[in-house]
């Protein structure tokens, strides 16, 4: 059965893989992604939705899951015929799938209905949602704070930028990204960024690293990719470095020895919120 919980430790990279390409996906690939998202939505033309479900069903019967990898499925939009067929299929035969990823998440009522359906069907599946519409962005704090099976939020920058009429660049989407990070923190959920908006180039790992660092600095915990050769760089950025871990341990040792007086470390005052952050890091 699936592991149903995601945390900041195992959401650093999400590899999206179209359901029609599942015959090419083998355990020997060992892509190393924390999350493999099988996509029934954007990666599948409308005329091939039924075939994609069949291929997913076959995959769930024959695939040997990769250790330490979570498998999720991006279903079609809730309330559509294909979305409902996707969910019904996975309710009956989830296999090693741990989460359904709901595109265009914007309705609190829909989120409650799906959560209730999972409970009534005694399903172990949990939910993730993509914020990729203006209405979704408007409702995001309500979505993350109600009682539901929702465990995390993906930021859908491409669709959102189209709807807003803005460029798919960092500055135009800064407000939207920040709002999604804020909402995820309100609900204590994981939050994952859209894929980098530039063409995959294995030679340009520094550009990718710089982009991931900006995302991490804003509070994102991981990132989507469609390219296996981007995974290592993403995981390196979204994991604490040994230097960060060693620094945190030294400060926490100082705090444990004297929790009353202010701590000065490398010329900086370390206050209680930072102590809590370092405890989480370690």
C-alpha atoms as a PDB file:
ATOM      1  CA  UNK A   1       0.000   0.000   0.000  1.00  0.00           C
ATOM      2  CA  UNK A   2       0.987   3.641  -0.341  1.00  0.00           C
ATOM      3  CA  UNK A   3       2.656   5.878   2.180  1.00  0.00           C
ATOM      4  CA  UNK A   4       0.003   8.547   2.575  1.00  0.00           C
ATOM      5  CA  UNK A   5       1.991  11.344   4.166  1.00  0.00           C
ATOM      6  CA  UNK A   6       4.184  13.925   2.540  1.00  0.00           C
ATOM      7  CA  UNK A   7       6.530  16.202   4.433  1.00  0.00           C
ATOM      8  CA  UNK A   8       9.155  18.831   3.719  1.00  0.00           C
ATOM      9  CA  UNK A   9      11.671  15.956   3.575  1.00  0.00           C
ATOM     10  CA  UNK A  10      10.067  14.107   0.689  1.00  0.00           C
ATOM     11  CA  UNK A  11       8.633  16.743  -1.635  1.00  0.00           C
ATOM     12  CA  UNK A  12      11.810  18.316  -3.046  1.00  0.00           C
ATOM     13  CA  UNK A  13      11.250  17.182  -6.630  1.00  0.00           C
ATOM     14  CA  UNK A  14       8.060  16.165  -8.451  1.00  0.00           C
ATOM     15  CA  UNK A  15       8.606  14.435 -11.787  1.00  0.00           C
ATOM     16  CA  UNK A  16       5.514  14.736 -14.018  1.00  0.00           C
ATOM     17  CA  UNK A  17       5.043  11.817 -16.399  1.00  0.00           C
ATOM     18  CA  UNK A  18       2.227  11.605 -18.959  1.00  0.00           C
ATOM     19  CA  UNK A  19       0.045   8.510 -18.567  1.00  0.00           C
ATOM     20  CA  UNK A  20       0.403   7.698 -22.282  1.00  0.00           C
ATOM     21  CA  UNK A  21       4.168   7.399 -21.747  1.00  0.00           C
ATOM     22  CA  UNK A  22       3.888   4.899 -18.869  1.00  0.00           C
ATOM     23  CA  UNK A  23       5.251   1.977 -20.956  1.00  0.00           C
ATOM     24  CA  UNK A  24       8.557   3.929 -21.069  1.00  0.00           C
ATOM     25  CA  UNK A  25       8.693   4.292 -17.275  1.00  0.00           C
ATOM     26  CA  UNK A  26      10.626   1.481 -15.623  1.00  0.00           C
ATOM     27  CA  UNK A  27      11.910   1.053 -12.088  1.00  0.00           C
ATOM     28  CA  UNK A  28      15.398   0.684 -13.560  1.00  0.00           C
ATOM     29  CA  UNK A  29      15.232   4.374 -14.544  1.00  0.00           C
ATOM     30  CA  UNK A  30      15.526   5.188 -10.850  1.00  0.00           C
ATOM     31  CA  UNK A  31      14.869   8.856 -11.584  1.00  0.00           C
ATOM     32  CA  UNK A  32      15.398   9.647  -7.900  1.00  0.00           C
ATOM     33  CA  UNK A  33      12.448  12.047  -7.666  1.00  0.00           C
ATOM     34  CA  UNK A  34      10.700  12.247  -4.301  1.00  0.00           C
ATOM     35  CA  UNK A  35       7.353  12.297  -6.103  1.00  0.00           C
ATOM     36  CA  UNK A  36       6.358  10.784  -9.448  1.00  0.00           C
ATOM     37  CA  UNK A  37       3.153  12.386 -10.703  1.00  0.00           C
ATOM     38  CA  UNK A  38       1.351  10.370 -13.375  1.00  0.00           C
ATOM     39  CA  UNK A  39      -0.562  12.905 -15.445  1.00  0.00           C
ATOM     40  CA  UNK A  40      -4.035  12.126 -16.789  1.00  0.00           C
ATOM     41  CA  UNK A  41      -4.822  15.796 -17.436  1.00  0.00           C
ATOM     42  CA  UNK A  42      -2.711  18.195 -19.536  1.00  0.00           C
ATOM     43  CA  UNK A  43      -0.415  15.478 -20.918  1.00  0.00           C
ATOM     44  CA  UNK A  44      -3.356  13.542 -22.417  1.00  0.00           C
ATOM     45  CA  UNK A  45      -5.419  14.790 -25.404  1.00  0.00           C
ATOM     46  CA  UNK A  46      -9.221  14.688 -24.843  1.00  0.00           C
ATOM     47  CA  UNK A  47      -9.635  11.825 -27.322  1.00  0.00           C
ATOM     48  CA  UNK A  48      -7.149   9.629 -25.396  1.00  0.00           C
ATOM     49  CA  UNK A  49      -8.457   9.982 -21.821  1.00  0.00           C
ATOM     50  CA  UNK A  50      -9.992   6.485 -21.667  1.00  0.00           C
ATOM     51  CA  UNK A  51      -6.823   4.917 -23.106  1.00  0.00           C
ATOM     52  CA  UNK A  52      -4.740   6.803 -20.530  1.00  0.00           C
ATOM     53  CA  UNK A  53      -6.848   5.347 -17.706  1.00  0.00           C
ATOM     54  CA  UNK A  54      -6.365   1.861 -19.142  1.00  0.00           C
ATOM     55  CA  UNK A  55      -2.606   2.375 -19.308  1.00  0.00           C
ATOM     56  CA  UNK A  56      -2.571   3.610 -15.721  1.00  0.00           C
ATOM     57  CA  UNK A  57      -4.566   0.547 -14.629  1.00  0.00           C
ATOM     58  CA  UNK A  58      -2.036  -1.734 -16.317  1.00  0.00           C
ATOM     59  CA  UNK A  59       0.854   0.195 -14.760  1.00  0.00           C
ATOM     60  CA  UNK A  60      -0.624  -0.188 -11.265  1.00  0.00           C
ATOM     61  CA  UNK A  61      -0.805  -3.975 -11.770  1.00  0.00           C
ATOM     62  CA  UNK A  62       2.703  -4.503 -13.176  1.00  0.00           C
ATOM     63  CA  UNK A  63       5.015  -1.725 -11.955  1.00  0.00           C
ATOM     64  CA  UNK A  64       7.372  -2.366  -9.063  1.00  0.00           C
ATOM     65  CA  UNK A  65       7.385   0.888  -7.062  1.00  0.00           C
ATOM     66  CA  UNK A  66      10.725   2.624  -6.585  1.00  0.00           C
ATOM     67  CA  UNK A  67      11.812   2.743  -2.956  1.00  0.00           C
ATOM     68  CA  UNK A  68      11.414   6.133  -1.214  1.00  0.00           C
ATOM     69  CA  UNK A  69       9.323   7.487  -4.091  1.00  0.00           C
ATOM     70  CA  UNK A  70       5.732   8.603  -3.659  1.00  0.00           C
ATOM     71  CA  UNK A  71       3.380   8.065  -6.595  1.00  0.00           C
ATOM     72  CA  UNK A  72       0.534  10.509  -7.168  1.00  0.00           C
ATOM     73  CA  UNK A  73      -1.925  11.013 -10.052  1.00  0.00           C
ATOM     74  CA  UNK A  74      -3.037  14.311 -11.545  1.00  0.00           C
ATOM     75  CA  UNK A  75      -6.665  13.621 -12.376  1.00  0.00           C
ATOM     76  CA  UNK A  76      -8.862  15.680 -14.685  1.00  0.00           C
ATOM     77  CA  UNK A  77     -10.853  18.569 -13.267  1.00  0.00           C
ATOM     78  CA  UNK A  78     -13.407  17.588 -10.625  1.00  0.00           C
ATOM     79  CA  UNK A  79     -16.980  17.753 -11.898  1.00  0.00           C
ATOM     80  CA  UNK A  80     -16.047  16.874 -15.483  1.00  0.00           C
ATOM     81  CA  UNK A  81     -16.861  13.427 -16.886  1.00  0.00           C
ATOM     82  CA  UNK A  82     -13.181  12.461 -17.148  1.00  0.00           C
ATOM     83  CA  UNK A  83     -12.361  13.845 -13.702  1.00  0.00           C
ATOM     84  CA  UNK A  84     -15.123  11.776 -12.126  1.00  0.00           C
ATOM     85  CA  UNK A  85     -14.067   8.630 -14.039  1.00  0.00           C
ATOM     86  CA  UNK A  86     -10.434   9.156 -12.934  1.00  0.00           C
ATOM     87  CA  UNK A  87     -11.415   9.457  -9.276  1.00  0.00           C
ATOM     88  CA  UNK A  88     -13.781   6.467  -9.399  1.00  0.00           C
ATOM     89  CA  UNK A  89     -11.061   4.306 -10.925  1.00  0.00           C
ATOM     90  CA  UNK A  90      -8.509   5.260  -8.260  1.00  0.00           C
ATOM     91  CA  UNK A  91     -11.033   4.825  -5.438  1.00  0.00           C
ATOM     92  CA  UNK A  92     -11.491   1.222  -6.547  1.00  0.00           C
ATOM     93  CA  UNK A  93      -7.863   0.394  -7.335  1.00  0.00           C
ATOM     94  CA  UNK A  94      -5.397   2.902  -5.869  1.00  0.00           C
ATOM     95  CA  UNK A  95      -2.500   0.404  -5.867  1.00  0.00           C
ATOM     96  CA  UNK A  96       0.581   2.270  -4.669  1.00  0.00           C
ATOM     97  CA  UNK A  97      -0.864   5.745  -5.390  1.00  0.00           C
ATOM     98  CA  UNK A  98      -0.798   7.915  -2.259  1.00  0.00           C
ATOM     99  CA  UNK A  99      -2.451  11.147  -3.455  1.00  0.00           C
ATOM    100  CA  UNK A 100      -4.787  12.552  -6.068  1.00  0.00           C
ATOM    101  CA  UNK A 101      -3.573  15.876  -7.472  1.00  0.00           C
ATOM    102  CA  UNK A 102      -6.578  18.104  -8.213  1.00  0.00           C
ATOM    103  CA  UNK A 103      -6.061  20.642 -11.019  1.00  0.00           C
ATOM    104  CA  UNK A 104      -7.656  24.099 -10.936  1.00  0.00           C
ATOM    105  CA  UNK A 105      -8.503  23.784  -7.258  1.00  0.00           C
ATOM    106  CA  UNK A 106     -10.705  26.733  -6.331  1.00  0.00           C
ATOM    107  CA  UNK A 107     -13.885  25.508  -4.631  1.00  0.00           C
ATOM    108  CA  UNK A 108     -14.066  24.758  -0.900  1.00  0.00           C
ATOM    109  CA  UNK A 109     -17.301  22.839  -1.507  1.00  0.00           C
ATOM    110  CA  UNK A 110     -15.671  20.612  -4.158  1.00  0.00           C
ATOM    111  CA  UNK A 111     -12.710  19.919  -1.852  1.00  0.00           C
ATOM    112  CA  UNK A 112     -15.087  18.922   0.956  1.00  0.00           C
ATOM    113  CA  UNK A 113     -17.094  16.679  -1.407  1.00  0.00           C
ATOM    114  CA  UNK A 114     -13.992  14.836  -2.644  1.00  0.00           C
ATOM    115  CA  UNK A 115     -12.692  14.421   0.919  1.00  0.00           C
ATOM    116  CA  UNK A 116     -16.053  13.001   2.033  1.00  0.00           C
ATOM    117  CA  UNK A 117     -16.093  10.627  -0.925  1.00  0.00           C
ATOM    118  CA  UNK A 118     -12.657   9.291   0.084  1.00  0.00           C
ATOM    119  CA  UNK A 119     -13.816   8.798   3.686  1.00  0.00           C
ATOM    120  CA  UNK A 120     -17.092   7.112   2.690  1.00  0.00           C
ATOM    121  CA  UNK A 121     -15.212   4.733   0.393  1.00  0.00           C
ATOM    122  CA  UNK A 122     -12.699   3.914   3.165  1.00  0.00           C
ATOM    123  CA  UNK A 123      -9.923   5.117   0.866  1.00  0.00           C
ATOM    124  CA  UNK A 124      -6.405   5.777   2.141  1.00  0.00           C
ATOM    125  CA  UNK A 125      -5.857   8.338  -0.638  1.00  0.00           C
ATOM    126  CA  UNK A 126      -5.023  11.899   0.324  1.00  0.00           C
ATOM    127  CA  UNK A 127      -5.244  15.055  -1.766  1.00  0.00           C
ATOM    128  CA  UNK A 128      -3.000  17.706  -3.262  1.00  0.00           C
ATOM    129  CA  UNK A 129      -4.254  20.680  -5.249  1.00  0.00           C
ATOM    130  CA  UNK A 130      -2.933  23.033  -7.902  1.00  0.00           C
ATOM    131  CA  UNK A 131      -3.602  26.753  -7.542  1.00  0.00           C
ATOM    132  CA  UNK A 132      -3.636  27.898 -11.163  1.00  0.00           C
ATOM    133  CA  UNK A 133      -6.652  30.197 -11.586  1.00  0.00           C
ATOM    134  CA  UNK A 134      -7.493  33.681 -10.265  1.00  0.00           C
ATOM    135  CA  UNK A 135     -10.404  32.173  -8.282  1.00  0.00           C
ATOM    136  CA  UNK A 136      -8.092  29.529  -6.826  1.00  0.00           C
ATOM    137  CA  UNK A 137      -5.672  32.228  -5.726  1.00  0.00           C
ATOM    138  CA  UNK A 138      -8.538  34.207  -4.168  1.00  0.00           C
ATOM    139  CA  UNK A 139      -9.769  31.128  -2.230  1.00  0.00           C
ATOM    140  CA  UNK A 140      -6.418  29.542  -1.384  1.00  0.00           C
ATOM    141  CA  UNK A 141      -6.386  30.370   2.352  1.00  0.00           C
ATOM    142  CA  UNK A 142      -9.908  28.967   2.761  1.00  0.00           C
ATOM    143  CA  UNK A 143      -8.874  25.807   0.900  1.00  0.00           C
ATOM    144  CA  UNK A 144      -5.808  25.204   3.077  1.00  0.00           C
ATOM    145  CA  UNK A 145      -7.521  25.776   6.436  1.00  0.00           C
ATOM    146  CA  UNK A 146     -10.743  23.730   6.200  1.00  0.00           C
ATOM    147  CA  UNK A 147     -10.908  20.161   7.513  1.00  0.00           C
ATOM    148  CA  UNK A 148     -10.119  17.974   4.497  1.00  0.00           C
ATOM    149  CA  UNK A 149      -7.758  15.373   3.051  1.00  0.00           C
ATOM    150  CA  UNK A 150      -5.640  18.136   1.469  1.00  0.00           C
ATOM    151  CA  UNK A 151      -1.939  17.759   2.369  1.00  0.00           C
ATOM    152  CA  UNK A 152      -0.262  20.182   0.008  1.00  0.00           C
ATOM    153  CA  UNK A 153      -0.477  22.824  -2.680  1.00  0.00           C
ATOM    154  CA  UNK A 154       1.239  23.078  -6.049  1.00  0.00           C
ATOM    155  CA  UNK A 155       1.712  26.526  -7.576  1.00  0.00           C
ATOM    156  CA  UNK A 156       0.534  26.452 -11.206  1.00  0.00           C
ATOM    157  CA  UNK A 157       2.414  29.409 -12.599  1.00  0.00           C
ATOM    158  CA  UNK A 158       1.906  28.729 -16.314  1.00  0.00           C
ATOM    159  CA  UNK A 159      -1.893  28.591 -16.303  1.00  0.00           C
ATOM    160  CA  UNK A 160      -2.134  31.360 -13.730  1.00  0.00           C
ATOM    161  CA  UNK A 161       0.079  33.712 -15.741  1.00  0.00           C
ATOM    162  CA  UNK A 162      -2.112  33.076 -18.815  1.00  0.00           C
ATOM    163  CA  UNK A 163      -5.265  33.893 -16.839  1.00  0.00           C
ATOM    164  CA  UNK A 164      -3.737  37.008 -15.284  1.00  0.00           C
ATOM    165  CA  UNK A 165      -2.277  38.188 -18.575  1.00  0.00           C
ATOM    166  CA  UNK A 166       1.167  38.513 -17.031  1.00  0.00           C
ATOM    167  CA  UNK A 167       4.532  37.106 -18.046  1.00  0.00           C
ATOM    168  CA  UNK A 168       5.656  33.721 -16.700  1.00  0.00           C
ATOM    169  CA  UNK A 169       8.548  35.462 -14.946  1.00  0.00           C
ATOM    170  CA  UNK A 170       9.575  35.771 -11.310  1.00  0.00           C
ATOM    171  CA  UNK A 171       8.559  39.394 -10.596  1.00  0.00           C
ATOM    172  CA  UNK A 172       5.068  39.373 -12.179  1.00  0.00           C
ATOM    173  CA  UNK A 173       4.139  36.216 -10.223  1.00  0.00           C
ATOM    174  CA  UNK A 174       5.802  37.163  -6.922  1.00  0.00           C
ATOM    175  CA  UNK A 175       2.539  38.239  -5.254  1.00  0.00           C
ATOM    176  CA  UNK A 176       0.726  35.064  -6.357  1.00  0.00           C
ATOM    177  CA  UNK A 177       3.593  32.782  -5.270  1.00  0.00           C
ATOM    178  CA  UNK A 178       3.855  34.518  -1.893  1.00  0.00           C
ATOM    179  CA  UNK A 179       0.117  34.230  -1.319  1.00  0.00           C
ATOM    180  CA  UNK A 180       0.230  30.474  -1.991  1.00  0.00           C
ATOM    181  CA  UNK A 181       3.210  30.019   0.371  1.00  0.00           C
ATOM    182  CA  UNK A 182       1.359  32.021   3.050  1.00  0.00           C
ATOM    183  CA  UNK A 183      -1.807  29.909   2.655  1.00  0.00           C
ATOM    184  CA  UNK A 184       0.166  26.659   2.861  1.00  0.00           C
ATOM    185  CA  UNK A 185       1.809  27.867   6.083  1.00  0.00           C
ATOM    186  CA  UNK A 186      -1.629  28.743   7.514  1.00  0.00           C
ATOM    187  CA  UNK A 187      -2.757  25.150   6.963  1.00  0.00           C
ATOM    188  CA  UNK A 188       0.635  23.599   7.793  1.00  0.00           C
ATOM    189  CA  UNK A 189       0.715  22.027   4.334  1.00  0.00           C
ATOM    190  CA  UNK A 190       3.573  21.364   1.936  1.00  0.00           C
ATOM    191  CA  UNK A 191       3.988  23.814  -0.960  1.00  0.00           C
ATOM    192  CA  UNK A 192       5.635  23.017  -4.298  1.00  0.00           C
ATOM    193  CA  UNK A 193       6.617  25.391  -7.108  1.00  0.00           C
ATOM    194  CA  UNK A 194       5.911  25.186 -10.846  1.00  0.00           C
ATOM    195  CA  UNK A 195       8.622  23.896 -13.168  1.00  0.00           C
ATOM    196  CA  UNK A 196      11.348  26.318 -14.281  1.00  0.00           C
ATOM    197  CA  UNK A 197      10.147  28.408 -17.252  1.00  0.00           C
ATOM    198  CA  UNK A 198      13.190  27.689 -19.411  1.00  0.00           C
ATOM    199  CA  UNK A 199      14.088  24.834 -21.720  1.00  0.00           C
ATOM    200  CA  UNK A 200      15.854  21.889 -20.127  1.00  0.00           C
ATOM    201  CA  UNK A 201      19.603  22.178 -20.633  1.00  0.00           C
ATOM    202  CA  UNK A 202      21.783  19.805 -18.675  1.00  0.00           C
ATOM    203  CA  UNK A 203      24.774  22.089 -19.310  1.00  0.00           C
ATOM    204  CA  UNK A 204      23.073  25.004 -17.551  1.00  0.00           C
ATOM    205  CA  UNK A 205      22.744  23.571 -14.037  1.00  0.00           C
ATOM    206  CA  UNK A 206      23.820  26.888 -12.469  1.00  0.00           C
ATOM    207  CA  UNK A 207      20.808  28.665 -13.965  1.00  0.00           C
ATOM    208  CA  UNK A 208      18.544  25.946 -12.588  1.00  0.00           C
ATOM    209  CA  UNK A 209      20.215  26.094  -9.166  1.00  0.00           C
ATOM    210  CA  UNK A 210      19.795  29.891  -8.997  1.00  0.00           C
ATOM    211  CA  UNK A 211      16.105  29.568  -9.890  1.00  0.00           C
ATOM    212  CA  UNK A 212      15.544  26.887  -7.233  1.00  0.00           C
ATOM    213  CA  UNK A 213      17.342  28.988  -4.599  1.00  0.00           C
ATOM    214  CA  UNK A 214      14.955  31.924  -5.230  1.00  0.00           C
ATOM    215  CA  UNK A 215      12.008  29.568  -4.881  1.00  0.00           C
ATOM    216  CA  UNK A 216      13.371  28.066  -1.658  1.00  0.00           C
ATOM    217  CA  UNK A 217      14.089  31.539  -0.214  1.00  0.00           C
ATOM    218  CA  UNK A 218      10.401  32.396  -0.708  1.00  0.00           C
ATOM    219  CA  UNK A 219       9.293  29.331   1.269  1.00  0.00           C
ATOM    220  CA  UNK A 220       8.700  26.739  -1.449  1.00  0.00           C
ATOM    221  CA  UNK A 221       9.675  23.209  -0.357  1.00  0.00           C
ATOM    222  CA  UNK A 222      10.194  21.647  -3.783  1.00  0.00           C
ATOM    223  CA  UNK A 223       9.655  22.026  -7.498  1.00  0.00           C
ATOM    224  CA  UNK A 224       8.036  20.288 -10.463  1.00  0.00           C
ATOM    225  CA  UNK A 225      10.115  19.011 -13.375  1.00  0.00           C
ATOM    226  CA  UNK A 226       9.475  17.069 -16.558  1.00  0.00           C
ATOM    227  CA  UNK A 227      13.162  16.264 -17.052  1.00  0.00           C
ATOM    228  CA  UNK A 228      14.986  13.531 -15.139  1.00  0.00           C
ATOM    229  CA  UNK A 229      18.300  15.390 -15.454  1.00  0.00           C
ATOM    230  CA  UNK A 230      16.963  18.333 -13.399  1.00  0.00           C
ATOM    231  CA  UNK A 231      16.144  16.206 -10.349  1.00  0.00           C
ATOM    232  CA  UNK A 232      19.577  16.090  -8.678  1.00  0.00           C
ATOM    233  CA  UNK A 233      20.027  19.876  -8.808  1.00  0.00           C
ATOM    234  CA  UNK A 234      16.549  20.440  -7.376  1.00  0.00           C
ATOM    235  CA  UNK A 235      17.043  17.960  -4.551  1.00  0.00           C
ATOM    236  CA  UNK A 236      20.414  19.450  -3.659  1.00  0.00           C
ATOM    237  CA  UNK A 237      18.920  22.948  -3.335  1.00  0.00           C
ATOM    238  CA  UNK A 238      15.810  21.934  -1.414  1.00  0.00           C
ATOM    239  CA  UNK A 239      17.818  19.785   1.026  1.00  0.00           C
ATOM    240  CA  UNK A 240      19.740  21.446   3.867  1.00  0.00           C
ATOM    241  CA  UNK A 241      23.487  21.404   3.165  1.00  0.00           C
ATOM    242  CA  UNK A 242      25.939  19.855   5.624  1.00  0.00           C
ATOM    243  CA  UNK A 243      27.188  23.374   6.428  1.00  0.00           C
ATOM    244  CA  UNK A 244      23.616  24.475   7.312  1.00  0.00           C
ATOM    245  CA  UNK A 245      23.102  21.363   9.472  1.00  0.00           C
ATOM    246  CA  UNK A 246      26.430  21.805  11.326  1.00  0.00           C
ATOM    247  CA  UNK A 247      25.676  25.500  11.956  1.00  0.00           C
ATOM    248  CA  UNK A 248      22.192  24.654  13.270  1.00  0.00           C
ATOM    249  CA  UNK A 249      23.577  21.994  15.633  1.00  0.00           C
ATOM    250  CA  UNK A 250      26.162  24.413  17.081  1.00  0.00           C
ATOM    251  CA  UNK A 251      23.519  27.072  17.738  1.00  0.00           C
ATOM    252  CA  UNK A 252      21.120  24.532  19.275  1.00  0.00           C
ATOM    253  CA  UNK A 253      23.914  23.276  21.560  1.00  0.00           C
ATOM    254  CA  UNK A 254      24.486  26.877  22.727  1.00  0.00           C
ATOM    255  CA  UNK A 255      20.749  27.277  23.317  1.00  0.00           C
ATOM    256  CA  UNK A 256      20.510  23.996  25.267  1.00  0.00           C
ATOM    257  CA  UNK A 257      23.423  25.064  27.483  1.00  0.00           C
ATOM    258  CA  UNK A 258      21.856  28.468  28.242  1.00  0.00           C
ATOM    259  CA  UNK A 259      18.238  28.936  27.113  1.00  0.00           C
ATOM    260  CA  UNK A 260      17.781  32.204  29.049  1.00  0.00           C
ATOM    261  CA  UNK A 261      20.435  34.616  27.762  1.00  0.00           C
ATOM    262  CA  UNK A 262      20.507  35.934  24.180  1.00  0.00           C
ATOM    263  CA  UNK A 263      22.652  33.898  21.766  1.00  0.00           C
ATOM    264  CA  UNK A 264      25.129  35.709  19.549  1.00  0.00           C
ATOM    265  CA  UNK A 265      26.488  33.553  16.722  1.00  0.00           C
ATOM    266  CA  UNK A 266      28.829  34.910  14.044  1.00  0.00           C
ATOM    267  CA  UNK A 267      27.873  38.423  15.086  1.00  0.00           C
ATOM    268  CA  UNK A 268      24.123  37.814  14.738  1.00  0.00           C
ATOM    269  CA  UNK A 269      21.461  37.730  17.433  1.00  0.00           C
ATOM    270  CA  UNK A 270      19.650  34.363  17.360  1.00  0.00           C
ATOM    271  CA  UNK A 271      16.127  34.662  18.762  1.00  0.00           C
ATOM    272  CA  UNK A 272      13.488  32.030  19.584  1.00  0.00           C
ATOM    273  CA  UNK A 273      11.769  31.941  16.141  1.00  0.00           C
ATOM    274  CA  UNK A 274      15.169  31.120  14.600  1.00  0.00           C
ATOM    275  CA  UNK A 275      15.754  28.403  17.248  1.00  0.00           C
ATOM    276  CA  UNK A 276      12.423  26.801  16.250  1.00  0.00           C
ATOM    277  CA  UNK A 277      13.367  26.998  12.573  1.00  0.00           C
ATOM    278  CA  UNK A 278      16.756  25.365  13.255  1.00  0.00           C
ATOM    279  CA  UNK A 279      15.105  22.601  15.299  1.00  0.00           C
ATOM    280  CA  UNK A 280      12.861  21.815  12.301  1.00  0.00           C
ATOM    281  CA  UNK A 281      15.877  21.836   9.976  1.00  0.00           C
ATOM    282  CA  UNK A 282      17.854  19.396  12.090  1.00  0.00           C
END
